[in-house]
């Protein structure tokens, strides 16, 4: 009898759980971007799993109505002229209300501001010093170790994302095309220029994992392909991400020129063309 009672209670809990899950409201972002031209306007479109009224909470402090009628399709154009933000990356959250008056909050999404005018600086800081420090960190080369034919070669490398591709709902771009130049401190090892694509996969508890492929050349006969994986561990100043990368390089026509690389650096994409 006791076991039967426990089974009934368990079934009720499970039923209640699934009922509560199906009663929630899911949000699917279709498009979210801010216009670079003035007046800077946040264009947002999304649909919900149920007919609801919606509001948007931006940067944890600005709340604006989106849909005043119960619907599944939602869109808004929000003028950012009088908004001030502390960062180029701005969070937003959808708040929905169903016909019973129940409120639901979506996951936190993020947009990237394509301008700098309205970004606040912390009290007491010098904005020029902040910009110069950011530029110094952005162009700082990364230490890189190369393992080539039993040799360990130190090098400095700098990767610059040129074009980034964004998909809705992520704190990082879905991928980017980049240029990279590596200088090797070895007389018989040539400097290398790279061009390639890196795909970014956000991961819980760290920042991301990024597989990529590059083509490289030294313009002197050494041409090949690099296969790599980067891990983004944590952010610095909310702009840079500390990462580590492993890369395997090969020359398809010559197996003797295969070599490995391990590097540590800072990733940021605020000087890129965004799509």
C-alpha atoms as a PDB file:
ATOM      1  CA  UNK A   1       0.000   0.000   0.000  1.00  0.00           C
ATOM      2  CA  UNK A   2       2.844   2.346   0.870  1.00  0.00           C
ATOM      3  CA  UNK A   3       4.595   1.600  -2.444  1.00  0.00           C
ATOM      4  CA  UNK A   4       1.362   2.249  -4.336  1.00  0.00           C
ATOM      5  CA  UNK A   5       0.968   5.595  -2.580  1.00  0.00           C
ATOM      6  CA  UNK A   6       4.553   6.591  -3.500  1.00  0.00           C
ATOM      7  CA  UNK A   7       4.000   5.581  -7.141  1.00  0.00           C
ATOM      8  CA  UNK A   8       0.861   7.751  -7.326  1.00  0.00           C
ATOM      9  CA  UNK A   9       2.696  10.722  -5.806  1.00  0.00           C
ATOM     10  CA  UNK A  10       5.579  10.228  -8.256  1.00  0.00           C
ATOM     11  CA  UNK A  11       3.215  10.128 -11.229  1.00  0.00           C
ATOM     12  CA  UNK A  12       1.481  13.290 -10.062  1.00  0.00           C
ATOM     13  CA  UNK A  13       4.817  15.092  -9.784  1.00  0.00           C
ATOM     14  CA  UNK A  14       5.866  13.979 -13.254  1.00  0.00           C
ATOM     15  CA  UNK A  15       2.520  15.001 -14.723  1.00  0.00           C
ATOM     16  CA  UNK A  16       2.731  18.379 -13.035  1.00  0.00           C
ATOM     17  CA  UNK A  17       6.262  18.858 -14.341  1.00  0.00           C
ATOM     18  CA  UNK A  18       5.339  18.188 -17.951  1.00  0.00           C
ATOM     19  CA  UNK A  19       2.203  20.293 -17.614  1.00  0.00           C
ATOM     20  CA  UNK A  20       4.244  23.222 -16.350  1.00  0.00           C
ATOM     21  CA  UNK A  21       6.704  22.727 -19.208  1.00  0.00           C
ATOM     22  CA  UNK A  22       3.990  22.761 -21.853  1.00  0.00           C
ATOM     23  CA  UNK A  23       2.386  25.800 -20.209  1.00  0.00           C
ATOM     24  CA  UNK A  24       5.547  27.874 -20.609  1.00  0.00           C
ATOM     25  CA  UNK A  25       6.173  30.228 -23.522  1.00  0.00           C
ATOM     26  CA  UNK A  26       9.098  29.733 -25.869  1.00  0.00           C
ATOM     27  CA  UNK A  27      10.627  32.630 -27.780  1.00  0.00           C
ATOM     28  CA  UNK A  28      12.226  32.232 -31.228  1.00  0.00           C
ATOM     29  CA  UNK A  29      14.246  35.205 -32.473  1.00  0.00           C
ATOM     30  CA  UNK A  30      13.972  35.831 -36.215  1.00  0.00           C
ATOM     31  CA  UNK A  31      16.042  38.996 -36.485  1.00  0.00           C
ATOM     32  CA  UNK A  32      17.736  41.419 -34.103  1.00  0.00           C
ATOM     33  CA  UNK A  33      20.054  44.238 -35.127  1.00  0.00           C
ATOM     34  CA  UNK A  34      20.795  47.928 -34.543  1.00  0.00           C
ATOM     35  CA  UNK A  35      21.128  50.276 -37.508  1.00  0.00           C
ATOM     36  CA  UNK A  36      24.552  51.936 -37.834  1.00  0.00           C
ATOM     37  CA  UNK A  37      23.028  55.106 -39.291  1.00  0.00           C
ATOM     38  CA  UNK A  38      21.222  57.683 -37.161  1.00  0.00           C
ATOM     39  CA  UNK A  39      18.762  57.532 -35.559  1.00  0.00           C
ATOM     40  CA  UNK A  40      20.165  54.248 -34.238  1.00  0.00           C
ATOM     41  CA  UNK A  41      17.205  51.883 -34.123  1.00  0.00           C
ATOM     42  CA  UNK A  42      16.918  48.401 -32.648  1.00  0.00           C
ATOM     43  CA  UNK A  43      14.907  46.237 -35.062  1.00  0.00           C
ATOM     44  CA  UNK A  44      13.567  43.081 -33.434  1.00  0.00           C
ATOM     45  CA  UNK A  45      11.281  40.358 -34.772  1.00  0.00           C
ATOM     46  CA  UNK A  46      10.390  37.070 -33.144  1.00  0.00           C
ATOM     47  CA  UNK A  47       7.557  34.626 -32.660  1.00  0.00           C
ATOM     48  CA  UNK A  48       6.295  32.806 -29.572  1.00  0.00           C
ATOM     49  CA  UNK A  49       4.923  29.321 -29.031  1.00  0.00           C
ATOM     50  CA  UNK A  50       1.602  30.776 -27.779  1.00  0.00           C
ATOM     51  CA  UNK A  51      -0.545  33.867 -28.159  1.00  0.00           C
ATOM     52  CA  UNK A  52       0.863  36.369 -25.667  1.00  0.00           C
ATOM     53  CA  UNK A  53       1.432  40.057 -25.076  1.00  0.00           C
ATOM     54  CA  UNK A  54       5.134  40.962 -24.939  1.00  0.00           C
ATOM     55  CA  UNK A  55       7.566  43.509 -23.583  1.00  0.00           C
ATOM     56  CA  UNK A  56      11.322  43.726 -23.936  1.00  0.00           C
ATOM     57  CA  UNK A  57      13.795  44.457 -21.140  1.00  0.00           C
ATOM     58  CA  UNK A  58      17.025  45.956 -22.503  1.00  0.00           C
ATOM     59  CA  UNK A  59      20.279  46.087 -20.540  1.00  0.00           C
ATOM     60  CA  UNK A  60      18.388  45.258 -17.331  1.00  0.00           C
ATOM     61  CA  UNK A  61      16.999  48.809 -17.116  1.00  0.00           C
ATOM     62  CA  UNK A  62      14.908  49.772 -20.159  1.00  0.00           C
ATOM     63  CA  UNK A  63      11.468  48.149 -20.593  1.00  0.00           C
ATOM     64  CA  UNK A  64       9.452  48.766 -23.771  1.00  0.00           C
ATOM     65  CA  UNK A  65       6.166  47.333 -25.032  1.00  0.00           C
ATOM     66  CA  UNK A  66       6.361  45.150 -28.132  1.00  0.00           C
ATOM     67  CA  UNK A  67       2.888  43.616 -28.617  1.00  0.00           C
ATOM     68  CA  UNK A  68      -0.167  45.010 -26.839  1.00  0.00           C
ATOM     69  CA  UNK A  69      -2.458  42.329 -28.304  1.00  0.00           C
ATOM     70  CA  UNK A  70      -2.303  38.556 -27.893  1.00  0.00           C
ATOM     71  CA  UNK A  71      -0.355  37.185 -30.853  1.00  0.00           C
ATOM     72  CA  UNK A  72       2.392  34.781 -31.856  1.00  0.00           C
ATOM     73  CA  UNK A  73       4.177  37.167 -34.238  1.00  0.00           C
ATOM     74  CA  UNK A  74       5.991  40.108 -32.696  1.00  0.00           C
ATOM     75  CA  UNK A  75       8.127  42.948 -34.007  1.00  0.00           C
ATOM     76  CA  UNK A  76       9.408  46.287 -32.803  1.00  0.00           C
ATOM     77  CA  UNK A  77      11.595  49.203 -33.873  1.00  0.00           C
ATOM     78  CA  UNK A  78      13.088  50.906 -30.798  1.00  0.00           C
ATOM     79  CA  UNK A  79      14.906  54.233 -31.072  1.00  0.00           C
ATOM     80  CA  UNK A  80      18.195  54.085 -29.108  1.00  0.00           C
ATOM     81  CA  UNK A  81      18.864  57.830 -29.280  1.00  0.00           C
ATOM     82  CA  UNK A  82      18.233  58.428 -25.564  1.00  0.00           C
ATOM     83  CA  UNK A  83      19.631  55.088 -24.365  1.00  0.00           C
ATOM     84  CA  UNK A  84      23.017  54.809 -22.656  1.00  0.00           C
ATOM     85  CA  UNK A  85      24.986  51.572 -22.421  1.00  0.00           C
ATOM     86  CA  UNK A  86      28.171  50.540 -20.647  1.00  0.00           C
ATOM     87  CA  UNK A  87      29.251  48.045 -23.265  1.00  0.00           C
ATOM     88  CA  UNK A  88      29.077  47.362 -26.964  1.00  0.00           C
ATOM     89  CA  UNK A  89      27.377  44.069 -26.167  1.00  0.00           C
ATOM     90  CA  UNK A  90      23.858  44.734 -24.853  1.00  0.00           C
ATOM     91  CA  UNK A  91      21.621  42.099 -23.297  1.00  0.00           C
ATOM     92  CA  UNK A  92      17.879  41.892 -23.774  1.00  0.00           C
ATOM     93  CA  UNK A  93      15.084  39.653 -22.555  1.00  0.00           C
ATOM     94  CA  UNK A  94      11.526  39.044 -23.738  1.00  0.00           C
ATOM     95  CA  UNK A  95       8.767  39.242 -21.098  1.00  0.00           C
ATOM     96  CA  UNK A  96       5.480  37.639 -22.155  1.00  0.00           C
ATOM     97  CA  UNK A  97       2.035  37.529 -20.553  1.00  0.00           C
ATOM     98  CA  UNK A  98      -0.598  34.942 -21.460  1.00  0.00           C
ATOM     99  CA  UNK A  99      -4.380  35.273 -21.324  1.00  0.00           C
ATOM    100  CA  UNK A 100      -4.406  34.038 -17.703  1.00  0.00           C
ATOM    101  CA  UNK A 101      -2.160  36.915 -16.674  1.00  0.00           C
ATOM    102  CA  UNK A 102       0.837  34.617 -16.120  1.00  0.00           C
ATOM    103  CA  UNK A 103       4.216  36.143 -16.931  1.00  0.00           C
ATOM    104  CA  UNK A 104       7.200  34.375 -18.480  1.00  0.00           C
ATOM    105  CA  UNK A 105      10.760  35.569 -19.043  1.00  0.00           C
ATOM    106  CA  UNK A 106      12.824  34.285 -21.931  1.00  0.00           C
ATOM    107  CA  UNK A 107      16.511  33.446 -21.882  1.00  0.00           C
ATOM    108  CA  UNK A 108      18.892  36.395 -22.116  1.00  0.00           C
ATOM    109  CA  UNK A 109      19.839  37.364 -25.668  1.00  0.00           C
ATOM    110  CA  UNK A 110      22.486  39.818 -26.845  1.00  0.00           C
ATOM    111  CA  UNK A 111      22.984  42.373 -29.598  1.00  0.00           C
ATOM    112  CA  UNK A 112      26.114  44.210 -30.713  1.00  0.00           C
ATOM    113  CA  UNK A 113      26.053  47.990 -31.056  1.00  0.00           C
ATOM    114  CA  UNK A 114      27.517  49.156 -34.395  1.00  0.00           C
ATOM    115  CA  UNK A 115      28.410  52.560 -32.925  1.00  0.00           C
ATOM    116  CA  UNK A 116      30.276  54.026 -29.938  1.00  0.00           C
ATOM    117  CA  UNK A 117      28.611  57.377 -29.174  1.00  0.00           C
ATOM    118  CA  UNK A 118      26.255  56.279 -26.414  1.00  0.00           C
ATOM    119  CA  UNK A 119      28.527  53.849 -24.574  1.00  0.00           C
ATOM    120  CA  UNK A 120      29.149  55.074 -21.042  1.00  0.00           C
ATOM    121  CA  UNK A 121      32.527  54.909 -19.310  1.00  0.00           C
ATOM    122  CA  UNK A 122      32.921  54.099 -15.634  1.00  0.00           C
ATOM    123  CA  UNK A 123      33.013  57.080 -13.305  1.00  0.00           C
ATOM    124  CA  UNK A 124      36.527  58.448 -12.833  1.00  0.00           C
ATOM    125  CA  UNK A 125      38.018  56.731 -15.886  1.00  0.00           C
ATOM    126  CA  UNK A 126      39.637  58.503 -18.801  1.00  0.00           C
ATOM    127  CA  UNK A 127      37.862  57.450 -22.037  1.00  0.00           C
ATOM    128  CA  UNK A 128      40.986  58.142 -24.137  1.00  0.00           C
ATOM    129  CA  UNK A 129      43.081  55.944 -21.843  1.00  0.00           C
ATOM    130  CA  UNK A 130      40.402  53.239 -22.024  1.00  0.00           C
ATOM    131  CA  UNK A 131      40.382  53.332 -25.832  1.00  0.00           C
ATOM    132  CA  UNK A 132      44.193  53.263 -26.069  1.00  0.00           C
ATOM    133  CA  UNK A 133      44.392  50.354 -23.610  1.00  0.00           C
ATOM    134  CA  UNK A 134      41.779  48.458 -25.580  1.00  0.00           C
ATOM    135  CA  UNK A 135      43.646  49.037 -28.856  1.00  0.00           C
ATOM    136  CA  UNK A 136      46.924  47.929 -27.273  1.00  0.00           C
ATOM    137  CA  UNK A 137      45.357  44.689 -26.042  1.00  0.00           C
ATOM    138  CA  UNK A 138      43.608  44.170 -29.386  1.00  0.00           C
ATOM    139  CA  UNK A 139      46.844  44.328 -31.388  1.00  0.00           C
ATOM    140  CA  UNK A 140      48.938  42.453 -28.806  1.00  0.00           C
ATOM    141  CA  UNK A 141      50.439  39.349 -30.498  1.00  0.00           C
ATOM    142  CA  UNK A 142      49.947  35.896 -29.012  1.00  0.00           C
ATOM    143  CA  UNK A 143      52.824  33.626 -27.903  1.00  0.00           C
ATOM    144  CA  UNK A 144      52.921  30.503 -30.034  1.00  0.00           C
ATOM    145  CA  UNK A 145      54.964  27.283 -29.792  1.00  0.00           C
ATOM    146  CA  UNK A 146      55.650  25.286 -32.933  1.00  0.00           C
ATOM    147  CA  UNK A 147      56.668  21.611 -32.922  1.00  0.00           C
ATOM    148  CA  UNK A 148      58.457  20.886 -36.195  1.00  0.00           C
ATOM    149  CA  UNK A 149      60.602  17.814 -36.955  1.00  0.00           C
ATOM    150  CA  UNK A 150      61.600  17.398 -33.312  1.00  0.00           C
ATOM    151  CA  UNK A 151      62.306  21.123 -32.860  1.00  0.00           C
ATOM    152  CA  UNK A 152      60.486  23.508 -30.538  1.00  0.00           C
ATOM    153  CA  UNK A 153      60.217  26.923 -32.161  1.00  0.00           C
ATOM    154  CA  UNK A 154      58.899  30.050 -30.448  1.00  0.00           C
ATOM    155  CA  UNK A 155      56.850  32.466 -32.511  1.00  0.00           C
ATOM    156  CA  UNK A 156      54.502  35.405 -32.187  1.00  0.00           C
ATOM    157  CA  UNK A 157      51.228  35.355 -34.049  1.00  0.00           C
ATOM    158  CA  UNK A 158      48.404  37.830 -34.478  1.00  0.00           C
ATOM    159  CA  UNK A 159      44.966  36.932 -35.769  1.00  0.00           C
ATOM    160  CA  UNK A 160      42.530  39.681 -36.782  1.00  0.00           C
ATOM    161  CA  UNK A 161      38.879  38.776 -37.478  1.00  0.00           C
ATOM    162  CA  UNK A 162      37.827  40.631 -40.618  1.00  0.00           C
ATOM    163  CA  UNK A 163      34.227  39.531 -41.191  1.00  0.00           C
ATOM    164  CA  UNK A 164      31.912  38.115 -38.505  1.00  0.00           C
ATOM    165  CA  UNK A 165      28.595  36.316 -38.921  1.00  0.00           C
ATOM    166  CA  UNK A 166      25.941  36.589 -36.224  1.00  0.00           C
ATOM    167  CA  UNK A 167      22.961  34.395 -35.446  1.00  0.00           C
ATOM    168  CA  UNK A 168      20.232  35.418 -33.006  1.00  0.00           C
ATOM    169  CA  UNK A 169      20.522  34.675 -29.322  1.00  0.00           C
ATOM    170  CA  UNK A 170      24.250  34.189 -28.901  1.00  0.00           C
ATOM    171  CA  UNK A 171      26.879  36.215 -27.033  1.00  0.00           C
ATOM    172  CA  UNK A 172      29.442  35.431 -29.715  1.00  0.00           C
ATOM    173  CA  UNK A 173      29.263  35.469 -33.510  1.00  0.00           C
ATOM    174  CA  UNK A 174      28.448  32.137 -35.111  1.00  0.00           C
ATOM    175  CA  UNK A 175      31.728  32.389 -36.982  1.00  0.00           C
ATOM    176  CA  UNK A 176      34.291  34.707 -38.527  1.00  0.00           C
ATOM    177  CA  UNK A 177      36.742  35.010 -41.408  1.00  0.00           C
ATOM    178  CA  UNK A 178      40.174  36.114 -40.271  1.00  0.00           C
ATOM    179  CA  UNK A 179      43.695  37.011 -41.342  1.00  0.00           C
ATOM    180  CA  UNK A 180      46.690  35.887 -39.289  1.00  0.00           C
ATOM    181  CA  UNK A 181      50.415  36.612 -39.499  1.00  0.00           C
ATOM    182  CA  UNK A 182      53.019  34.535 -37.630  1.00  0.00           C
ATOM    183  CA  UNK A 183      56.669  35.456 -37.096  1.00  0.00           C
ATOM    184  CA  UNK A 184      58.986  32.543 -36.240  1.00  0.00           C
ATOM    185  CA  UNK A 185      62.229  33.002 -34.325  1.00  0.00           C
ATOM    186  CA  UNK A 186      64.125  30.451 -36.398  1.00  0.00           C
ATOM    187  CA  UNK A 187      66.411  31.182 -39.333  1.00  0.00           C
ATOM    188  CA  UNK A 188      65.346  28.205 -41.421  1.00  0.00           C
ATOM    189  CA  UNK A 189      61.623  28.585 -40.660  1.00  0.00           C
ATOM    190  CA  UNK A 190      59.665  31.132 -42.673  1.00  0.00           C
ATOM    191  CA  UNK A 191      57.006  33.600 -41.579  1.00  0.00           C
ATOM    192  CA  UNK A 192      53.470  32.629 -42.522  1.00  0.00           C
ATOM    193  CA  UNK A 193      50.321  34.471 -43.578  1.00  0.00           C
ATOM    194  CA  UNK A 194      46.976  32.725 -43.034  1.00  0.00           C
ATOM    195  CA  UNK A 195      43.405  33.177 -44.212  1.00  0.00           C
ATOM    196  CA  UNK A 196      40.553  31.069 -42.882  1.00  0.00           C
ATOM    197  CA  UNK A 197      37.183  30.521 -41.272  1.00  0.00           C
ATOM    198  CA  UNK A 198      36.496  29.770 -37.575  1.00  0.00           C
ATOM    199  CA  UNK A 199      33.131  28.494 -36.345  1.00  0.00           C
ATOM    200  CA  UNK A 200      32.138  29.505 -32.796  1.00  0.00           C
ATOM    201  CA  UNK A 201      30.095  27.183 -30.562  1.00  0.00           C
ATOM    202  CA  UNK A 202      29.024  28.683 -27.180  1.00  0.00           C
ATOM    203  CA  UNK A 203      29.570  26.251 -24.315  1.00  0.00           C
ATOM    204  CA  UNK A 204      28.150  26.365 -20.794  1.00  0.00           C
ATOM    205  CA  UNK A 205      30.646  26.985 -17.939  1.00  0.00           C
ATOM    206  CA  UNK A 206      33.286  28.289 -20.369  1.00  0.00           C
ATOM    207  CA  UNK A 207      32.846  30.718 -23.261  1.00  0.00           C
ATOM    208  CA  UNK A 208      33.099  28.701 -26.469  1.00  0.00           C
ATOM    209  CA  UNK A 209      34.776  26.019 -28.568  1.00  0.00           C
ATOM    210  CA  UNK A 210      35.858  27.061 -32.050  1.00  0.00           C
ATOM    211  CA  UNK A 211      36.933  24.608 -34.764  1.00  0.00           C
ATOM    212  CA  UNK A 212      38.484  26.196 -37.826  1.00  0.00           C
ATOM    213  CA  UNK A 213      40.343  25.718 -41.073  1.00  0.00           C
ATOM    214  CA  UNK A 214      42.939  28.011 -42.627  1.00  0.00           C
ATOM    215  CA  UNK A 215      45.042  28.198 -45.753  1.00  0.00           C
ATOM    216  CA  UNK A 216      48.614  29.395 -45.236  1.00  0.00           C
ATOM    217  CA  UNK A 217      51.604  30.479 -47.299  1.00  0.00           C
ATOM    218  CA  UNK A 218      55.044  32.010 -46.850  1.00  0.00           C
ATOM    219  CA  UNK A 219      55.104  33.139 -50.520  1.00  0.00           C
ATOM    220  CA  UNK A 220      58.218  31.014 -50.940  1.00  0.00           C
ATOM    221  CA  UNK A 221      56.932  27.528 -51.657  1.00  0.00           C
ATOM    222  CA  UNK A 222      55.461  26.600 -48.274  1.00  0.00           C
ATOM    223  CA  UNK A 223      51.708  26.389 -48.835  1.00  0.00           C
ATOM    224  CA  UNK A 224      49.248  24.276 -46.923  1.00  0.00           C
ATOM    225  CA  UNK A 225      46.192  23.872 -44.728  1.00  0.00           C
ATOM    226  CA  UNK A 226      45.782  24.250 -40.975  1.00  0.00           C
ATOM    227  CA  UNK A 227      43.123  22.426 -38.935  1.00  0.00           C
ATOM    228  CA  UNK A 228      42.563  23.901 -35.493  1.00  0.00           C
ATOM    229  CA  UNK A 229      40.453  24.011 -32.353  1.00  0.00           C
ATOM    230  CA  UNK A 230      40.301  26.939 -29.934  1.00  0.00           C
ATOM    231  CA  UNK A 231      38.776  27.048 -26.452  1.00  0.00           C
ATOM    232  CA  UNK A 232      37.579  30.364 -25.022  1.00  0.00           C
ATOM    233  CA  UNK A 233      37.898  30.212 -21.246  1.00  0.00           C
ATOM    234  CA  UNK A 234      36.776  33.554 -19.772  1.00  0.00           C
ATOM    235  CA  UNK A 235      36.302  37.228 -20.591  1.00  0.00           C
ATOM    236  CA  UNK A 236      38.560  40.155 -19.660  1.00  0.00           C
ATOM    237  CA  UNK A 237      37.030  43.665 -19.383  1.00  0.00           C
ATOM    238  CA  UNK A 238      33.836  42.216 -20.964  1.00  0.00           C
ATOM    239  CA  UNK A 239      35.458  42.659 -24.399  1.00  0.00           C
ATOM    240  CA  UNK A 240      38.349  40.202 -24.711  1.00  0.00           C
ATOM    241  CA  UNK A 241      38.208  36.431 -24.299  1.00  0.00           C
ATOM    242  CA  UNK A 242      41.250  34.486 -23.128  1.00  0.00           C
ATOM    243  CA  UNK A 243      41.651  31.444 -25.362  1.00  0.00           C
ATOM    244  CA  UNK A 244      43.996  28.544 -26.065  1.00  0.00           C
ATOM    245  CA  UNK A 245      44.443  26.980 -29.496  1.00  0.00           C
ATOM    246  CA  UNK A 246      45.879  23.808 -30.983  1.00  0.00           C
ATOM    247  CA  UNK A 247      46.562  23.657 -34.719  1.00  0.00           C
ATOM    248  CA  UNK A 248      47.789  20.896 -37.004  1.00  0.00           C
ATOM    249  CA  UNK A 249      49.376  22.128 -40.238  1.00  0.00           C
ATOM    250  CA  UNK A 250      49.958  20.034 -43.312  1.00  0.00           C
ATOM    251  CA  UNK A 251      51.234  20.436 -46.824  1.00  0.00           C
ATOM    252  CA  UNK A 252      49.132  18.050 -48.934  1.00  0.00           C
ATOM    253  CA  UNK A 253      51.976  17.277 -51.375  1.00  0.00           C
ATOM    254  CA  UNK A 254      54.729  16.843 -48.765  1.00  0.00           C
ATOM    255  CA  UNK A 255      54.252  14.988 -45.466  1.00  0.00           C
ATOM    256  CA  UNK A 256      57.649  16.209 -44.179  1.00  0.00           C
ATOM    257  CA  UNK A 257      56.352  19.738 -43.720  1.00  0.00           C
ATOM    258  CA  UNK A 258      53.623  18.825 -41.221  1.00  0.00           C
ATOM    259  CA  UNK A 259      53.889  20.683 -37.904  1.00  0.00           C
ATOM    260  CA  UNK A 260      51.876  21.428 -34.740  1.00  0.00           C
ATOM    261  CA  UNK A 261      51.171  24.702 -32.913  1.00  0.00           C
ATOM    262  CA  UNK A 262      49.945  25.597 -29.425  1.00  0.00           C
ATOM    263  CA  UNK A 263      49.110  29.208 -28.575  1.00  0.00           C
ATOM    264  CA  UNK A 264      47.416  31.401 -25.967  1.00  0.00           C
ATOM    265  CA  UNK A 265      45.861  34.763 -26.745  1.00  0.00           C
ATOM    266  CA  UNK A 266      43.045  37.292 -26.532  1.00  0.00           C
ATOM    267  CA  UNK A 267      40.069  37.192 -28.889  1.00  0.00           C
ATOM    268  CA  UNK A 268      37.868  40.162 -29.747  1.00  0.00           C
ATOM    269  CA  UNK A 269      35.846  41.159 -32.776  1.00  0.00           C
ATOM    270  CA  UNK A 270      35.015  44.839 -32.312  1.00  0.00           C
ATOM    271  CA  UNK A 271      36.972  45.995 -35.410  1.00  0.00           C
ATOM    272  CA  UNK A 272      35.148  43.760 -37.879  1.00  0.00           C
ATOM    273  CA  UNK A 273      32.484  43.906 -40.552  1.00  0.00           C
ATOM    274  CA  UNK A 274      29.367  42.298 -39.079  1.00  0.00           C
ATOM    275  CA  UNK A 275      26.750  40.238 -40.915  1.00  0.00           C
END
